Amino acid sequence: MRNFPCATCRDPFLRGNRVEAATDLPGNVPVRDSKDLHGPALVFPAAGWSAFVSAVKGAAL
């Protein structure tokens, strides 16, 4: 799996849960473990990632 640079990374849940998501790639959101910066990234479609984050923040998951 390709290792994406994290130019614009953030913790999507704002709780320090060791997940970083790069938000600067059109259409895709690579997500990685912030403790393993050279490890692989999982890539999700932007719409799917946004729906997942919204569901978690809304306690639907």
C-alpha atoms as a PDB file:
ATOM      1  CA  MET A   1       0.000   0.000   0.000  1.00  0.00           C
ATOM      2  CA  ARG A   2       1.281   3.459  -0.849  1.00  0.00           C
ATOM      3  CA  ASN A   3       2.531   5.623   2.022  1.00  0.00           C
ATOM      4  CA  PHE A   4       1.000   9.101   1.690  1.00  0.00           C
ATOM      5  CA  PRO A   5       2.682  12.219   3.024  1.00  0.00           C
ATOM      6  CA  CYS A   6       0.433  13.880   5.530  1.00  0.00           C
ATOM      7  CA  ALA A   7       0.618  17.521   4.440  1.00  0.00           C
ATOM      8  CA  THR A   8      -2.696  18.395   6.042  1.00  0.00           C
ATOM      9  CA  CYS A   9      -3.346  15.867   8.792  1.00  0.00           C
ATOM     10  CA  ARG A  10      -5.687  16.048  11.705  1.00  0.00           C
ATOM     11  CA  ASP A  11      -7.235  13.866  14.334  1.00  0.00           C
ATOM     12  CA  PRO A  12     -10.793  13.619  12.955  1.00  0.00           C
ATOM     13  CA  PHE A  13     -12.251  12.881  16.373  1.00  0.00           C
ATOM     14  CA  LEU A  14     -10.250  15.567  18.228  1.00  0.00           C
ATOM     15  CA  ARG A  15      -9.593  13.229  21.127  1.00  0.00           C
ATOM     16  CA  GLY A  16      -6.032  12.085  20.471  1.00  0.00           C
ATOM     17  CA  ASN A  17      -7.091   8.622  19.317  1.00  0.00           C
ATOM     18  CA  ARG A  18      -3.911   8.127  17.290  1.00  0.00           C
ATOM     19  CA  VAL A  19      -5.526   8.438  13.877  1.00  0.00           C
ATOM     20  CA  GLU A  20      -4.491  10.971  11.260  1.00  0.00           C
ATOM     21  CA  ALA A  21      -6.395  11.732   8.078  1.00  0.00           C
ATOM     22  CA  ALA A  22      -4.900  13.692   5.194  1.00  0.00           C
ATOM     23  CA  THR A  23      -7.545  16.068   3.890  1.00  0.00           C
ATOM     24  CA  ASP A  24      -5.659  17.541   0.937  1.00  0.00           C
ATOM     25  CA  LEU A  25      -6.129  14.812  -1.695  1.00  0.00           C
ATOM     26  CA  PRO A  26      -9.177  15.325  -3.923  1.00  0.00           C
ATOM     27  CA  GLY A  27     -11.680  12.491  -3.661  1.00  0.00           C
ATOM     28  CA  ASN A  28      -9.659  10.332  -1.261  1.00  0.00           C
ATOM     29  CA  VAL A  29      -8.753  10.382   2.414  1.00  0.00           C
ATOM     30  CA  PRO A  30      -5.706   8.370   3.431  1.00  0.00           C
ATOM     31  CA  VAL A  31      -5.836   7.433   7.113  1.00  0.00           C
ATOM     32  CA  ARG A  32      -2.919   6.179   9.197  1.00  0.00           C
ATOM     33  CA  ASP A  33      -1.831   5.410  12.725  1.00  0.00           C
ATOM     34  CA  SER A  34      -0.103   8.541  14.032  1.00  0.00           C
ATOM     35  CA  LYS A  35       2.314   6.393  16.046  1.00  0.00           C
ATOM     36  CA  ASP A  36       3.570   4.727  12.835  1.00  0.00           C
ATOM     37  CA  LEU A  37       4.253   7.629  10.473  1.00  0.00           C
ATOM     38  CA  HIS A  38       6.113   5.427   7.990  1.00  0.00           C
ATOM     39  CA  GLY A  39       3.523   2.668   8.038  1.00  0.00           C
ATOM     40  CA  PRO A  40       0.818   2.092   5.446  1.00  0.00           C
ATOM     41  CA  ALA A  41      -2.247   4.236   4.981  1.00  0.00           C
ATOM     42  CA  LEU A  42      -5.767   3.008   4.352  1.00  0.00           C
ATOM     43  CA  VAL A  43      -7.437   5.062   1.624  1.00  0.00           C
ATOM     44  CA  PHE A  44     -11.173   5.755   1.754  1.00  0.00           C
ATOM     45  CA  PRO A  45     -13.424   7.689  -0.626  1.00  0.00           C
ATOM     46  CA  ALA A  46     -13.877  11.196   0.791  1.00  0.00           C
ATOM     47  CA  ALA A  47     -17.669  10.873   1.019  1.00  0.00           C
ATOM     48  CA  GLY A  48     -17.443   7.564   2.881  1.00  0.00           C
ATOM     49  CA  TRP A  49     -14.868   8.908   5.336  1.00  0.00           C
ATOM     50  CA  SER A  50     -16.975  12.005   5.982  1.00  0.00           C
ATOM     51  CA  ALA A  51     -20.060   9.874   6.666  1.00  0.00           C
ATOM     52  CA  PHE A  52     -18.076   7.636   9.029  1.00  0.00           C
ATOM     53  CA  VAL A  53     -16.658  10.578  11.007  1.00  0.00           C
ATOM     54  CA  SER A  54     -20.121  12.185  11.241  1.00  0.00           C
ATOM     55  CA  ALA A  55     -21.623   8.925  12.514  1.00  0.00           C
ATOM     56  CA  VAL A  56     -18.916   8.532  15.151  1.00  0.00           C
ATOM     57  CA  LYS A  57     -19.244  12.143  16.291  1.00  0.00           C
ATOM     58  CA  GLY A  58     -23.019  11.756  16.462  1.00  0.00           C
ATOM     59  CA  ALA A  59     -22.655   8.571  18.554  1.00  0.00           C
ATOM     60  CA  ALA A  60     -24.440   6.542  15.869  1.00  0.00           C
ATOM     61  CA  LEU A  61     -21.590   4.002  15.931  1.00  0.00           C
END
